[in-house]
Amino acid sequence: FYKESGGNYQLQIEGMPDIPDVSGLQ
């Protein structure tokens, strides 16, 4: 159920929109 993303593993949920990285905006 997980996919590697940046050294961590993120849960893959069907239908969930991609959440953009807002650290640059912050």
PDB file of all heavy atoms in Angstrom:
ATOM      1  N   PHE A   1       0.809  -1.219   0.000  1.00  0.00           N
ATOM      2  CA  PHE A   1       0.000   0.000   0.000  1.00  0.00           C
ATOM      3  C   PHE A   1       0.847   1.277   0.000  1.00  0.00           C
ATOM      4  O   PHE A   1       0.320   2.370  -0.135  1.00  0.00           O
ATOM      5  CB  PHE A   1      -0.927   0.038   1.227  1.00  0.00           C
ATOM      6  CG  PHE A   1      -1.990  -1.019   1.199  1.00  0.00           C
ATOM      7  CD1 PHE A   1      -2.012  -2.038   2.146  1.00  0.00           C
ATOM      8  CD2 PHE A   1      -2.983  -1.000   0.231  1.00  0.00           C
ATOM      9  CE1 PHE A   1      -2.999  -3.007   2.127  1.00  0.00           C
ATOM     10  CE2 PHE A   1      -3.975  -1.965   0.209  1.00  0.00           C
ATOM     11  CZ  PHE A   1      -3.986  -2.985   1.153  1.00  0.00           C
ATOM     12  N   TYR A   2       2.154   1.129   0.156  1.00  0.00           N
ATOM     13  CA  TYR A   2       3.023   2.302   0.279  1.00  0.00           C
ATOM     14  C   TYR A   2       3.939   2.447  -0.922  1.00  0.00           C
ATOM     15  O   TYR A   2       4.298   1.480  -1.576  1.00  0.00           O
ATOM     16  CB  TYR A   2       3.874   2.200   1.557  1.00  0.00           C
ATOM     17  CG  TYR A   2       3.063   2.417   2.817  1.00  0.00           C
ATOM     18  CD1 TYR A   2       2.466   1.355   3.481  1.00  0.00           C
ATOM     19  CD2 TYR A   2       2.884   3.691   3.336  1.00  0.00           C
ATOM     20  CE1 TYR A   2       1.719   1.547   4.625  1.00  0.00           C
ATOM     21  CE2 TYR A   2       2.141   3.896   4.483  1.00  0.00           C
ATOM     22  CZ  TYR A   2       1.564   2.828   5.123  1.00  0.00           C
ATOM     23  OH  TYR A   2       0.831   3.032   6.246  1.00  0.00           O
ATOM     24  N   LYS A   3       4.322   3.704  -1.202  1.00  0.00           N
ATOM     25  CA  LYS A   3       5.256   4.015  -2.281  1.00  0.00           C
ATOM     26  C   LYS A   3       6.342   4.926  -1.695  1.00  0.00           C
ATOM     27  O   LYS A   3       6.055   5.817  -0.893  1.00  0.00           O
ATOM     28  CB  LYS A   3       4.511   4.739  -3.413  1.00  0.00           C
ATOM     29  CG  LYS A   3       5.409   5.202  -4.546  1.00  0.00           C
ATOM     30  CD  LYS A   3       4.619   5.871  -5.639  1.00  0.00           C
ATOM     31  CE  LYS A   3       4.700   7.371  -5.418  1.00  0.00           C
ATOM     32  NZ  LYS A   3       4.094   8.150  -6.480  1.00  0.00           N
ATOM     33  N   GLU A   4       7.586   4.682  -2.108  1.00  0.00           N
ATOM     34  CA  GLU A   4       8.685   5.490  -1.589  1.00  0.00           C
ATOM     35  C   GLU A   4       8.594   6.903  -2.157  1.00  0.00           C
ATOM     36  O   GLU A   4       8.328   7.104  -3.338  1.00  0.00           O
ATOM     37  CB  GLU A   4      10.035   4.872  -1.945  1.00  0.00           C
ATOM     38  CG  GLU A   4      11.183   5.622  -1.314  1.00  0.00           C
ATOM     39  CD  GLU A   4      12.526   4.955  -1.535  1.00  0.00           C
ATOM     40  OE1 GLU A   4      12.591   3.947  -2.258  1.00  0.00           O
ATOM     41  OE2 GLU A   4      13.504   5.454  -0.973  1.00  0.00           O
ATOM     42  N   SER A   5       8.801   7.869  -1.268  1.00  0.00           N
ATOM     43  CA  SER A   5       8.754   9.258  -1.704  1.00  0.00           C
ATOM     44  C   SER A   5       9.705  10.075  -0.824  1.00  0.00           C
ATOM     45  O   SER A   5       9.419  10.321   0.335  1.00  0.00           O
ATOM     46  CB  SER A   5       7.323   9.776  -1.632  1.00  0.00           C
ATOM     47  OG  SER A   5       7.159  10.914  -0.872  1.00  0.00           O
ATOM     48  N   GLY A   6      10.851  10.427  -1.371  1.00  0.00           N
ATOM     49  CA  GLY A   6      11.804  11.285  -0.674  1.00  0.00           C
ATOM     50  C   GLY A   6      12.378  10.678   0.590  1.00  0.00           C
ATOM     51  O   GLY A   6      12.515  11.367   1.590  1.00  0.00           O
ATOM     52  N   GLY A   7      12.729   9.418   0.605  1.00  0.00           N
ATOM     53  CA  GLY A   7      13.320   8.798   1.785  1.00  0.00           C
ATOM     54  C   GLY A   7      12.298   8.261   2.761  1.00  0.00           C
ATOM     55  O   GLY A   7      12.633   7.519   3.671  1.00  0.00           O
ATOM     56  N   ASN A   8      11.054   8.623   2.610  1.00  0.00           N
ATOM     57  CA  ASN A   8       9.960   8.114   3.443  1.00  0.00           C
ATOM     58  C   ASN A   8       9.032   7.295   2.565  1.00  0.00           C
ATOM     59  O   ASN A   8       9.180   7.232   1.351  1.00  0.00           O
ATOM     60  CB  ASN A   8       9.188   9.265   4.089  1.00  0.00           C
ATOM     61  CG  ASN A   8       9.998   9.976   5.147  1.00  0.00           C
ATOM     62  OD1 ASN A   8      10.746   9.358   5.884  1.00  0.00           O
ATOM     63  ND2 ASN A   8       9.855  11.290   5.207  1.00  0.00           N
ATOM     64  N   TYR A   9       8.057   6.686   3.174  1.00  0.00           N
ATOM     65  CA  TYR A   9       7.078   5.900   2.436  1.00  0.00           C
ATOM     66  C   TYR A   9       5.702   6.504   2.659  1.00  0.00           C
ATOM     67  O   TYR A   9       5.287   6.727   3.789  1.00  0.00           O
ATOM     68  CB  TYR A   9       7.125   4.432   2.886  1.00  0.00           C
ATOM     69  CG  TYR A   9       8.409   3.766   2.483  1.00  0.00           C
ATOM     70  CD1 TYR A   9       9.525   3.805   3.302  1.00  0.00           C
ATOM     71  CD2 TYR A   9       8.501   3.116   1.261  1.00  0.00           C
ATOM     72  CE1 TYR A   9      10.712   3.202   2.917  1.00  0.00           C
ATOM     73  CE2 TYR A   9       9.681   2.512   0.862  1.00  0.00           C
ATOM     74  CZ  TYR A   9      10.786   2.568   1.693  1.00  0.00           C
ATOM     75  OH  TYR A   9      11.952   1.980   1.299  1.00  0.00           O
ATOM     76  N   GLN A  10       4.997   6.745   1.538  1.00  0.00           N
ATOM     77  CA  GLN A  10       3.713   7.428   1.578  1.00  0.00           C
ATOM     78  C   GLN A  10       2.607   6.455   1.198  1.00  0.00           C
ATOM     79  O   GLN A  10       2.741   5.688   0.249  1.00  0.00           O
ATOM     80  CB  GLN A  10       3.741   8.608   0.606  1.00  0.00           C
ATOM     81  CG  GLN A  10       2.515   9.447   0.621  1.00  0.00           C
ATOM     82  CD  GLN A  10       2.676  10.655  -0.302  1.00  0.00           C
ATOM     83  OE1 GLN A  10       3.744  10.937  -0.798  1.00  0.00           O
ATOM     84  NE2 GLN A  10       1.585  11.346  -0.527  1.00  0.00           N
ATOM     85  N   LEU A  11       1.505   6.495   1.937  1.00  0.00           N
ATOM     86  CA  LEU A  11       0.355   5.638   1.674  1.00  0.00           C
ATOM     87  C   LEU A  11      -0.290   6.059   0.362  1.00  0.00           C
ATOM     88  O   LEU A  11      -0.540   7.237   0.124  1.00  0.00           O
ATOM     89  CB  LEU A  11      -0.659   5.754   2.826  1.00  0.00           C
ATOM     90  CG  LEU A  11      -1.921   4.912   2.733  1.00  0.00           C
ATOM     91  CD1 LEU A  11      -1.572   3.427   2.790  1.00  0.00           C
ATOM     92  CD2 LEU A  11      -2.870   5.266   3.867  1.00  0.00           C
ATOM     93  N   GLN A  12      -0.549   5.076  -0.515  1.00  0.00           N
ATOM     94  CA  GLN A  12      -1.182   5.348  -1.796  1.00  0.00           C
ATOM     95  C   GLN A  12      -2.689   5.163  -1.658  1.00  0.00           C
ATOM     96  O   GLN A  12      -3.162   4.078  -1.361  1.00  0.00           O
ATOM     97  CB  GLN A  12      -0.628   4.394  -2.871  1.00  0.00           C
ATOM     98  CG  GLN A  12       0.837   4.571  -3.131  1.00  0.00           C
ATOM     99  CD  GLN A  12       1.141   5.983  -3.596  1.00  0.00           C
ATOM    100  OE1 GLN A  12       0.585   6.453  -4.575  1.00  0.00           O
ATOM    101  NE2 GLN A  12       2.014   6.657  -2.867  1.00  0.00           N
ATOM    102  N   ILE A  13      -3.437   6.268  -1.855  1.00  0.00           N
ATOM    103  CA  ILE A  13      -4.879   6.234  -1.723  1.00  0.00           C
ATOM    104  C   ILE A  13      -5.481   6.577  -3.073  1.00  0.00           C
ATOM    105  O   ILE A  13      -5.182   7.626  -3.648  1.00  0.00           O
ATOM    106  CB  ILE A  13      -5.360   7.232  -0.640  1.00  0.00           C
ATOM    107  CG1 ILE A  13      -4.706   6.898   0.702  1.00  0.00           C
ATOM    108  CG2 ILE A  13      -6.878   7.214  -0.541  1.00  0.00           C
ATOM    109  CD1 ILE A  13      -4.955   7.926   1.770  1.00  0.00           C
ATOM    110  N   GLU A  14      -6.346   5.716  -3.563  1.00  0.00           N
ATOM    111  CA  GLU A  14      -6.965   5.940  -4.858  1.00  0.00           C
ATOM    112  C   GLU A  14      -7.967   7.091  -4.768  1.00  0.00           C
ATOM    113  O   GLU A  14      -8.763   7.177  -3.841  1.00  0.00           O
ATOM    114  CB  GLU A  14      -7.687   4.672  -5.308  1.00  0.00           C
ATOM    115  CG  GLU A  14      -8.251   4.766  -6.714  1.00  0.00           C
ATOM    116  CD  GLU A  14      -8.899   3.457  -7.143  1.00  0.00           C
ATOM    117  OE1 GLU A  14      -8.378   2.394  -6.796  1.00  0.00           O
ATOM    118  OE2 GLU A  14      -9.937   3.528  -7.811  1.00  0.00           O
ATOM    119  N   GLY A  15      -7.885   8.013  -5.726  1.00  0.00           N
ATOM    120  CA  GLY A  15      -8.810   9.132  -5.774  1.00  0.00           C
ATOM    121  C   GLY A  15      -8.362  10.353  -4.971  1.00  0.00           C
ATOM    122  O   GLY A  15      -8.982  11.399  -5.026  1.00  0.00           O
ATOM    123  N   MET A  16      -7.284  10.205  -4.224  1.00  0.00           N
ATOM    124  CA  MET A  16      -6.804  11.341  -3.435  1.00  0.00           C
ATOM    125  C   MET A  16      -5.956  12.240  -4.326  1.00  0.00           C
ATOM    126  O   MET A  16      -5.014  11.780  -4.979  1.00  0.00           O
ATOM    127  CB  MET A  16      -5.964  10.856  -2.254  1.00  0.00           C
ATOM    128  CG  MET A  16      -5.490  11.968  -1.368  1.00  0.00           C
ATOM    129  SD  MET A  16      -4.713  11.247   0.082  1.00  0.00           S
ATOM    130  CE  MET A  16      -3.906  12.665   0.728  1.00  0.00           C
ATOM    131  N   PRO A  17      -6.302  13.533  -4.377  1.00  0.00           N
ATOM    132  CA  PRO A  17      -5.522  14.426  -5.236  1.00  0.00           C
ATOM    133  C   PRO A  17      -4.116  14.629  -4.655  1.00  0.00           C
ATOM    134  O   PRO A  17      -3.904  14.522  -3.447  1.00  0.00           O
ATOM    135  CB  PRO A  17      -6.320  15.732  -5.206  1.00  0.00           C
ATOM    136  CG  PRO A  17      -7.092  15.669  -3.946  1.00  0.00           C
ATOM    137  CD  PRO A  17      -7.370  14.217  -3.690  1.00  0.00           C
ATOM    138  N   ASP A  18      -3.176  14.881  -5.545  1.00  0.00           N
ATOM    139  CA  ASP A  18      -1.808  15.140  -5.095  1.00  0.00           C
ATOM    140  C   ASP A  18      -1.770  16.455  -4.341  1.00  0.00           C
ATOM    141  O   ASP A  18      -2.299  17.471  -4.797  1.00  0.00           O
ATOM    142  CB  ASP A  18      -0.849  15.210  -6.296  1.00  0.00           C
ATOM    143  CG  ASP A  18      -0.620  13.840  -6.910  1.00  0.00           C
ATOM    144  OD1 ASP A  18      -0.776  12.837  -6.184  1.00  0.00           O
ATOM    145  OD2 ASP A  18      -0.289  13.784  -8.116  1.00  0.00           O
ATOM    146  N   ILE A  19      -1.155  16.425  -3.186  1.00  0.00           N
ATOM    147  CA  ILE A  19      -1.026  17.634  -2.377  1.00  0.00           C
ATOM    148  C   ILE A  19       0.311  18.263  -2.736  1.00  0.00           C
ATOM    149  O   ILE A  19       1.365  17.648  -2.539  1.00  0.00           O
ATOM    150  CB  ILE A  19      -1.087  17.306  -0.871  1.00  0.00           C
ATOM    151  CG1 ILE A  19      -2.416  16.642  -0.548  1.00  0.00           C
ATOM    152  CG2 ILE A  19      -0.866  18.549  -0.036  1.00  0.00           C
ATOM    153  CD1 ILE A  19      -2.506  16.118   0.866  1.00  0.00           C
ATOM    154  N   PRO A  20       0.268  19.479  -3.262  1.00  0.00           N
ATOM    155  CA  PRO A  20       1.532  20.100  -3.666  1.00  0.00           C
ATOM    156  C   PRO A  20       2.366  20.487  -2.437  1.00  0.00           C
ATOM    157  O   PRO A  20       1.843  20.722  -1.357  1.00  0.00           O
ATOM    158  CB  PRO A  20       1.090  21.336  -4.443  1.00  0.00           C
ATOM    159  CG  PRO A  20      -0.259  21.644  -3.919  1.00  0.00           C
ATOM    160  CD  PRO A  20      -0.869  20.324  -3.532  1.00  0.00           C
ATOM    161  N   ASP A  21       3.657  20.554  -2.650  1.00  0.00           N
ATOM    162  CA  ASP A  21       4.576  20.956  -1.579  1.00  0.00           C
ATOM    163  C   ASP A  21       4.478  22.470  -1.426  1.00  0.00           C
ATOM    164  O   ASP A  21       4.692  23.219  -2.372  1.00  0.00           O
ATOM    165  CB  ASP A  21       6.004  20.546  -1.942  1.00  0.00           C
ATOM    166  CG  ASP A  21       6.977  20.836  -0.832  1.00  0.00           C
ATOM    167  OD1 ASP A  21       6.538  20.924   0.330  1.00  0.00           O
ATOM    168  OD2 ASP A  21       8.182  20.972  -1.129  1.00  0.00           O
ATOM    169  N   VAL A  22       4.114  22.927  -0.222  1.00  0.00           N
ATOM    170  CA  VAL A  22       3.910  24.358   0.017  1.00  0.00           C
ATOM    171  C   VAL A  22       5.052  24.988   0.802  1.00  0.00           C
ATOM    172  O   VAL A  22       4.959  26.134   1.223  1.00  0.00           O
ATOM    173  CB  VAL A  22       2.573  24.608   0.762  1.00  0.00           C
ATOM    174  CG1 VAL A  22       1.406  24.226  -0.121  1.00  0.00           C
ATOM    175  CG2 VAL A  22       2.531  23.875   2.070  1.00  0.00           C
ATOM    176  N   SER A  23       6.139  24.253   0.972  1.00  0.00           N
ATOM    177  CA  SER A  23       7.256  24.806   1.741  1.00  0.00           C
ATOM    178  C   SER A  23       7.866  26.014   1.038  1.00  0.00           C
ATOM    179  O   SER A  23       8.289  26.965   1.689  1.00  0.00           O
ATOM    180  CB  SER A  23       8.309  23.739   2.011  1.00  0.00           C
ATOM    181  OG  SER A  23       8.845  23.264   0.787  1.00  0.00           O
ATOM    182  N   GLY A  24       7.909  25.990  -0.285  1.00  0.00           N
ATOM    183  CA  GLY A  24       8.432  27.135  -1.034  1.00  0.00           C
ATOM    184  C   GLY A  24       7.564  28.367  -0.829  1.00  0.00           C
ATOM    185  O   GLY A  24       8.071  29.483  -0.671  1.00  0.00           O
ATOM    186  N   LEU A  25       6.252  28.166  -0.827  1.00  0.00           N
ATOM    187  CA  LEU A  25       5.335  29.278  -0.578  1.00  0.00           C
ATOM    188  C   LEU A  25       5.507  29.827   0.832  1.00  0.00           C
ATOM    189  O   LEU A  25       5.490  31.037   1.053  1.00  0.00           O
ATOM    190  CB  LEU A  25       3.885  28.826  -0.791  1.00  0.00           C
ATOM    191  CG  LEU A  25       3.472  28.494  -2.216  1.00  0.00           C
ATOM    192  CD1 LEU A  25       2.063  27.929  -2.233  1.00  0.00           C
ATOM    193  CD2 LEU A  25       3.549  29.735  -3.082  1.00  0.00           C
ATOM    194  N   GLN A  26       5.685  28.938   1.791  1.00  0.00           N
ATOM    195  CA  GLN A  26       5.870  29.375   3.176  1.00  0.00           C
ATOM    196  C   GLN A  26       7.145  30.191   3.315  1.00  0.00           C
ATOM    197  O   GLN A  26       7.160  31.213   3.994  1.00  0.00           O
ATOM    198  CB  GLN A  26       5.907  28.159   4.106  1.00  0.00           C
ATOM    199  CG  GLN A  26       5.995  28.514   5.576  1.00  0.00           C
ATOM    200  CD  GLN A  26       4.789  29.277   6.070  1.00  0.00           C
ATOM    201  OE1 GLN A  26       3.667  28.987   5.678  1.00  0.00           O
ATOM    202  NE2 GLN A  26       5.017  30.266   6.899  1.00  0.00           N
TER     203      GLN A  26
END
